[in-house]
């Protein structure tokens, strides 16, 4: 009995050695293939960058190329173990259908990435807002399934491409100029014409207000406790927030110096029919 076992084992040793050899070769091929894929993807990435291809397209195609090359590498390793091309193709088709049904959201994100690259609602470097999820930030990367945003406080938000392609997107930096509109309330007792003159002067004196564009100062509303004044002017997109913050400060200082009162919510109570007690 023991002799038969050893004879059977001796007959299987070449097969075991052969199988172990295939495993070692596959591991080596996968390691070298991984290195080659990284090198090739970097080469393609740099070539497209030198050709001045849009950065979002570069990132998307690089991500797609990486996935395809890894799939080919695994396919080649599988054939090394005796899997025929027809069997591998049938397996890939079956797996593709199964994965497709299970990952419908992923396919929607992939389709969304393609739509973003085709219609270009935003590019890498744009500042966008997505009202549906309250996400906003500067576009850092556009990849196959996700777009990465960087917020003003240096956080990264990864948004599915399907969400971005199926919802309204506000591209803040798409144009090189933005209209600045600000409103401020003054008390009814304050000199309205004087306040309007101060606002006009501040607009003319500010170095970042585009003087060649229309500037207008107006009375926006006669509110319950204040007269609401406003102005509209044009600034370069990159100067929008610095100008807005600066104008807020200058308006407050100028109104204080001119005796223009900026009111805050308050309520006047008048008592009637109350008799004064005799001392």
Protein backbone atom coordinates (compact mmCIF):
# COMPACT_ATOMS: atom_id res chain seq x y z
CA UNK A 1 0.00 0.00 0.00
CA UNK A 2 2.75 2.42 0.96
CA UNK A 3 4.76 1.46 -2.11
CA UNK A 4 1.81 2.24 -4.36
CA UNK A 5 1.38 5.64 -2.68
CA UNK A 6 5.04 6.55 -3.21
CA UNK A 7 4.94 5.39 -6.82
CA UNK A 8 1.83 7.48 -7.45
CA UNK A 9 3.44 10.47 -5.73
CA UNK A 10 6.61 10.09 -7.78
CA UNK A 11 4.49 10.16 -10.91
CA UNK A 12 2.88 13.47 -9.86
CA UNK A 13 6.08 15.23 -8.83
CA UNK A 14 6.85 16.54 -12.33
CA UNK A 15 3.33 18.00 -12.54
CA UNK A 16 3.65 19.68 -9.14
CA UNK A 17 7.07 21.06 -10.04
CA UNK A 18 5.70 22.29 -13.37
CA UNK A 19 2.71 23.95 -11.67
CA UNK A 20 4.92 25.64 -9.07
CA UNK A 21 7.18 26.84 -11.86
CA UNK A 22 4.20 28.37 -13.66
CA UNK A 23 3.16 30.15 -10.47
CA UNK A 24 6.63 31.61 -10.00
CA UNK A 25 6.80 32.66 -13.62
CA UNK A 26 3.32 34.24 -13.37
CA UNK A 27 4.33 36.19 -10.27
CA UNK A 28 7.47 37.40 -12.03
CA UNK A 29 5.52 38.30 -15.19
CA UNK A 30 2.93 40.18 -13.13
CA UNK A 31 5.63 42.13 -11.28
CA UNK A 32 7.47 43.04 -14.47
CA UNK A 33 4.21 43.77 -16.26
CA UNK A 34 3.12 46.07 -13.45
CA UNK A 35 6.38 48.00 -13.76
CA UNK A 36 5.99 48.18 -17.54
CA UNK A 37 2.39 49.40 -17.27
CA UNK A 38 3.36 52.18 -14.87
CA UNK A 39 6.18 53.24 -17.18
CA UNK A 40 3.96 53.15 -20.27
CA UNK A 41 1.13 55.09 -18.62
CA UNK A 42 3.59 57.76 -17.45
CA UNK A 43 5.06 57.94 -20.96
CA UNK A 44 1.63 58.40 -22.54
CA UNK A 45 0.67 60.94 -19.86
CA UNK A 46 3.75 63.06 -20.48
CA UNK A 47 3.36 62.78 -24.26
CA UNK A 48 -0.22 64.07 -24.11
CA UNK A 49 0.83 66.84 -21.73
CA UNK A 50 3.54 67.94 -24.18
CA UNK A 51 0.93 67.94 -26.93
CA UNK A 52 -1.12 70.36 -24.78
CA UNK A 53 -4.08 68.01 -24.54
CA UNK A 54 -6.67 69.09 -21.96
CA UNK A 55 -5.59 67.88 -18.53
CA UNK A 56 -8.94 66.26 -17.79
CA UNK A 57 -8.70 64.22 -21.01
CA UNK A 58 -5.14 63.22 -20.12
CA UNK A 59 -6.19 61.97 -16.69
CA UNK A 60 -9.23 60.12 -18.03
CA UNK A 61 -7.35 58.37 -20.86
CA UNK A 62 -4.46 57.47 -18.56
CA UNK A 63 -6.87 55.85 -16.12
CA UNK A 64 -8.59 53.95 -18.93
CA UNK A 65 -5.27 52.81 -20.42
CA UNK A 66 -4.10 51.53 -17.02
CA UNK A 67 -7.22 49.38 -16.60
CA UNK A 68 -7.00 47.94 -20.12
CA UNK A 69 -3.31 47.06 -19.75
CA UNK A 70 -3.91 45.30 -16.44
CA UNK A 71 -6.76 43.34 -18.03
CA UNK A 72 -4.46 42.23 -20.87
CA UNK A 73 -1.75 41.29 -18.39
CA UNK A 74 -4.12 39.09 -16.37
CA UNK A 75 -5.44 37.56 -19.60
CA UNK A 76 -1.90 36.63 -20.65
CA UNK A 77 -1.15 35.09 -17.25
CA UNK A 78 -4.37 33.06 -17.41
CA UNK A 79 -3.41 31.58 -20.78
CA UNK A 80 -0.12 30.49 -19.24
CA UNK A 81 -2.10 28.10 -17.04
CA UNK A 82 -3.72 26.46 -20.02
CA UNK A 83 -6.82 28.62 -20.30
CA UNK A 84 -7.66 28.94 -24.00
CA UNK A 85 -8.46 32.26 -25.63
CA UNK A 86 -12.04 31.16 -26.34
CA UNK A 87 -12.59 30.10 -22.74
CA UNK A 88 -11.04 33.32 -21.44
CA UNK A 89 -13.23 35.39 -23.79
CA UNK A 90 -16.36 33.54 -22.65
CA UNK A 91 -15.32 33.99 -19.02
CA UNK A 92 -14.69 37.69 -19.54
CA UNK A 93 -18.07 38.10 -21.26
CA UNK A 94 -19.90 36.33 -18.45
CA UNK A 95 -17.98 38.26 -15.83
CA UNK A 96 -18.65 41.49 -17.70
CA UNK A 97 -22.41 40.91 -17.71
CA UNK A 98 -22.40 39.95 -14.03
CA UNK A 99 -20.25 42.88 -13.01
CA UNK A 100 -22.28 45.22 -15.21
CA UNK A 101 -25.52 44.21 -13.48
CA UNK A 102 -23.93 44.51 -10.06
CA UNK A 103 -22.16 47.78 -10.76
CA UNK A 104 -24.74 49.81 -12.62
CA UNK A 105 -23.75 52.87 -10.63
CA UNK A 106 -20.14 52.41 -11.71
CA UNK A 107 -21.17 52.22 -15.36
CA UNK A 108 -23.23 55.37 -14.89
CA UNK A 109 -20.13 57.07 -13.49
CA UNK A 110 -18.08 55.86 -16.46
CA UNK A 111 -20.68 57.20 -18.88
CA UNK A 112 -20.73 60.43 -16.90
CA UNK A 113 -16.96 60.75 -17.23
CA UNK A 114 -17.24 60.34 -21.01
CA UNK A 115 -19.99 62.99 -21.14
CA UNK A 116 -17.87 65.41 -19.09
CA UNK A 117 -14.93 65.00 -21.46
CA UNK A 118 -17.10 65.35 -24.57
CA UNK A 119 -19.13 68.40 -23.58
CA UNK A 120 -16.60 69.99 -21.18
CA UNK A 121 -18.94 71.68 -18.65
CA UNK A 122 -15.79 72.24 -16.62
CA UNK A 123 -12.04 71.69 -16.92
CA UNK A 124 -9.25 70.92 -14.48
CA UNK A 125 -8.58 74.14 -12.58
CA UNK A 126 -12.18 75.43 -12.72
CA UNK A 127 -14.09 76.23 -9.53
CA UNK A 128 -17.49 74.53 -9.63
CA UNK A 129 -20.57 74.17 -7.43
CA UNK A 130 -22.92 71.18 -7.46
CA UNK A 131 -26.13 72.37 -5.71
CA UNK A 132 -27.61 68.87 -5.39
CA UNK A 133 -24.94 67.67 -2.96
CA UNK A 134 -23.68 71.09 -1.79
CA UNK A 135 -20.21 70.20 -3.08
CA UNK A 136 -17.93 72.94 -4.35
CA UNK A 137 -14.23 73.36 -5.02
CA UNK A 138 -11.49 73.55 -7.61
CA UNK A 139 -11.36 70.63 -10.03
CA UNK A 140 -8.12 68.71 -9.42
CA UNK A 141 -8.66 65.47 -11.34
CA UNK A 142 -11.18 64.06 -13.81
CA UNK A 143 -10.84 60.27 -13.89
CA UNK A 144 -12.91 57.41 -15.29
CA UNK A 145 -15.42 57.18 -12.47
CA UNK A 146 -14.79 60.13 -10.17
CA UNK A 147 -13.89 63.82 -10.22
CA UNK A 148 -11.78 65.20 -7.36
CA UNK A 149 -12.39 68.70 -6.00
CA UNK A 150 -10.16 70.71 -3.66
CA UNK A 151 -11.99 73.03 -1.25
CA UNK A 152 -10.80 76.42 -0.07
CA UNK A 153 -9.77 74.89 3.28
CA UNK A 154 -7.68 72.24 1.47
CA UNK A 155 -10.04 69.28 1.73
CA UNK A 156 -10.50 66.84 -1.15
CA UNK A 157 -14.02 65.87 -2.26
CA UNK A 158 -14.40 62.87 -4.56
CA UNK A 159 -17.65 63.21 -6.54
CA UNK A 160 -19.06 60.43 -8.80
CA UNK A 161 -19.09 61.48 -12.44
CA UNK A 162 -22.67 60.23 -12.74
CA UNK A 163 -23.77 62.83 -10.19
CA UNK A 164 -21.98 65.66 -12.00
CA UNK A 165 -23.30 64.68 -15.45
CA UNK A 166 -26.92 64.33 -14.28
CA UNK A 167 -27.20 67.52 -12.21
CA UNK A 168 -26.85 71.23 -12.71
CA UNK A 169 -23.28 72.49 -12.40
CA UNK A 170 -22.30 76.08 -11.66
CA UNK A 171 -18.91 76.85 -13.19
CA UNK A 172 -17.76 79.93 -11.30
CA UNK A 173 -14.52 80.46 -13.23
CA UNK A 174 -15.69 79.64 -16.76
CA UNK A 175 -15.59 83.34 -17.70
CA UNK A 176 -12.73 85.74 -17.12
CA UNK A 177 -15.00 88.43 -15.63
CA UNK A 178 -17.70 88.42 -12.94
CA UNK A 179 -20.30 90.97 -11.96
CA UNK A 180 -19.98 92.12 -8.38
CA UNK A 181 -23.28 93.03 -6.75
CA UNK A 182 -23.47 94.22 -3.15
CA UNK A 183 -26.25 95.67 -1.01
CA UNK A 184 -26.19 97.65 2.21
CA UNK A 185 -28.95 99.17 4.34
CA UNK A 186 -28.98 102.71 5.73
CA UNK A 187 -31.40 104.25 8.20
CA UNK A 188 -34.33 106.34 6.97
CA UNK A 189 -32.87 109.33 8.79
CA UNK A 190 -29.56 109.15 6.89
CA UNK A 191 -28.85 111.17 3.72
CA UNK A 192 -29.60 108.76 0.89
CA UNK A 193 -27.99 110.85 -1.86
CA UNK A 194 -24.86 111.28 0.22
CA UNK A 195 -24.66 107.51 0.76
CA UNK A 196 -25.05 106.87 -2.97
CA UNK A 197 -22.28 109.36 -3.69
CA UNK A 198 -19.97 107.53 -1.27
CA UNK A 199 -20.64 104.22 -3.00
CA UNK A 200 -19.96 105.75 -6.42
CA UNK A 201 -16.69 107.20 -5.18
CA UNK A 202 -15.58 103.87 -3.70
CA UNK A 203 -16.27 102.12 -7.02
CA UNK A 204 -14.28 104.68 -8.99
CA UNK A 205 -11.33 104.61 -6.58
CA UNK A 206 -11.01 100.82 -6.26
CA UNK A 207 -8.09 99.59 -8.37
CA UNK A 208 -9.70 96.25 -9.28
CA UNK A 209 -13.07 97.54 -10.45
CA UNK A 210 -13.12 97.49 -14.27
CA UNK A 211 -13.74 101.15 -15.08
CA UNK A 212 -14.48 100.47 -18.76
CA UNK A 213 -17.49 98.36 -17.78
CA UNK A 214 -20.84 99.63 -16.54
CA UNK A 215 -21.08 100.68 -12.87
CA UNK A 216 -24.43 101.48 -11.33
CA UNK A 217 -25.57 102.49 -7.83
CA UNK A 218 -29.27 102.08 -7.03
CA UNK A 219 -31.97 102.02 -4.36
CA UNK A 220 -32.99 98.39 -4.19
CA UNK A 221 -35.72 98.40 -1.58
CA UNK A 222 -37.54 100.46 1.04
CA UNK A 223 -37.47 97.83 3.76
CA UNK A 224 -39.13 97.86 7.18
CA UNK A 225 -36.19 99.34 9.06
CA UNK A 226 -33.73 100.45 6.35
CA UNK A 227 -33.31 101.85 2.88
CA UNK A 228 -31.44 99.17 0.92
CA UNK A 229 -28.83 100.61 -1.44
CA UNK A 230 -26.86 98.49 -3.88
CA UNK A 231 -24.32 98.67 -6.64
CA UNK A 232 -23.18 96.55 -9.57
CA UNK A 233 -19.76 96.55 -11.17
CA UNK A 234 -17.45 94.17 -13.04
CA UNK A 235 -14.20 92.62 -11.81
CA UNK A 236 -11.80 89.94 -13.02
CA UNK A 237 -12.86 86.50 -11.82
CA UNK A 238 -9.73 85.96 -9.74
CA UNK A 239 -10.28 89.33 -8.02
CA UNK A 240 -13.93 88.77 -7.10
CA UNK A 241 -13.57 87.75 -3.45
CA UNK A 242 -10.71 90.15 -2.56
CA UNK A 243 -12.73 93.06 -3.98
CA UNK A 244 -15.91 92.01 -2.18
CA UNK A 245 -14.17 91.71 1.19
CA UNK A 246 -12.32 94.98 0.67
CA UNK A 247 -15.48 96.86 -0.33
CA UNK A 248 -17.33 95.63 2.75
CA UNK A 249 -14.64 97.14 4.95
CA UNK A 250 -14.38 100.39 3.00
CA UNK A 251 -18.16 100.94 2.96
CA UNK A 252 -18.37 100.54 6.73
CA UNK A 253 -15.47 102.93 7.31
CA UNK A 254 -16.78 105.52 4.83
CA UNK A 255 -20.33 105.44 6.19
CA UNK A 256 -19.09 105.77 9.77
CA UNK A 257 -16.95 108.76 8.79
CA UNK A 258 -19.84 110.45 7.01
CA UNK A 259 -22.38 109.80 9.75
CA UNK A 260 -24.40 107.35 7.63
CA UNK A 261 -26.09 104.88 9.97
CA UNK A 262 -26.25 101.20 9.05
CA UNK A 263 -29.23 100.02 11.13
CA UNK A 264 -29.73 96.68 12.79
CA UNK A 265 -33.09 94.98 13.40
CA UNK A 266 -34.98 96.69 16.22
CA UNK A 267 -38.51 97.25 17.45
CA UNK A 268 -40.06 100.42 18.83
CA UNK A 269 -42.80 99.82 21.42
CA UNK A 270 -45.31 102.62 22.09
CA UNK A 271 -47.53 102.30 25.17
CA UNK A 272 -50.89 104.06 25.12
CA UNK A 273 -53.63 104.35 27.70
CA UNK A 274 -51.26 103.89 30.65
CA UNK A 275 -51.93 106.36 33.47
CA UNK A 276 -49.03 107.74 35.43
CA UNK A 277 -49.27 106.87 39.08
CA UNK A 278 -49.51 109.81 41.40
CA UNK A 279 -46.72 110.02 43.91
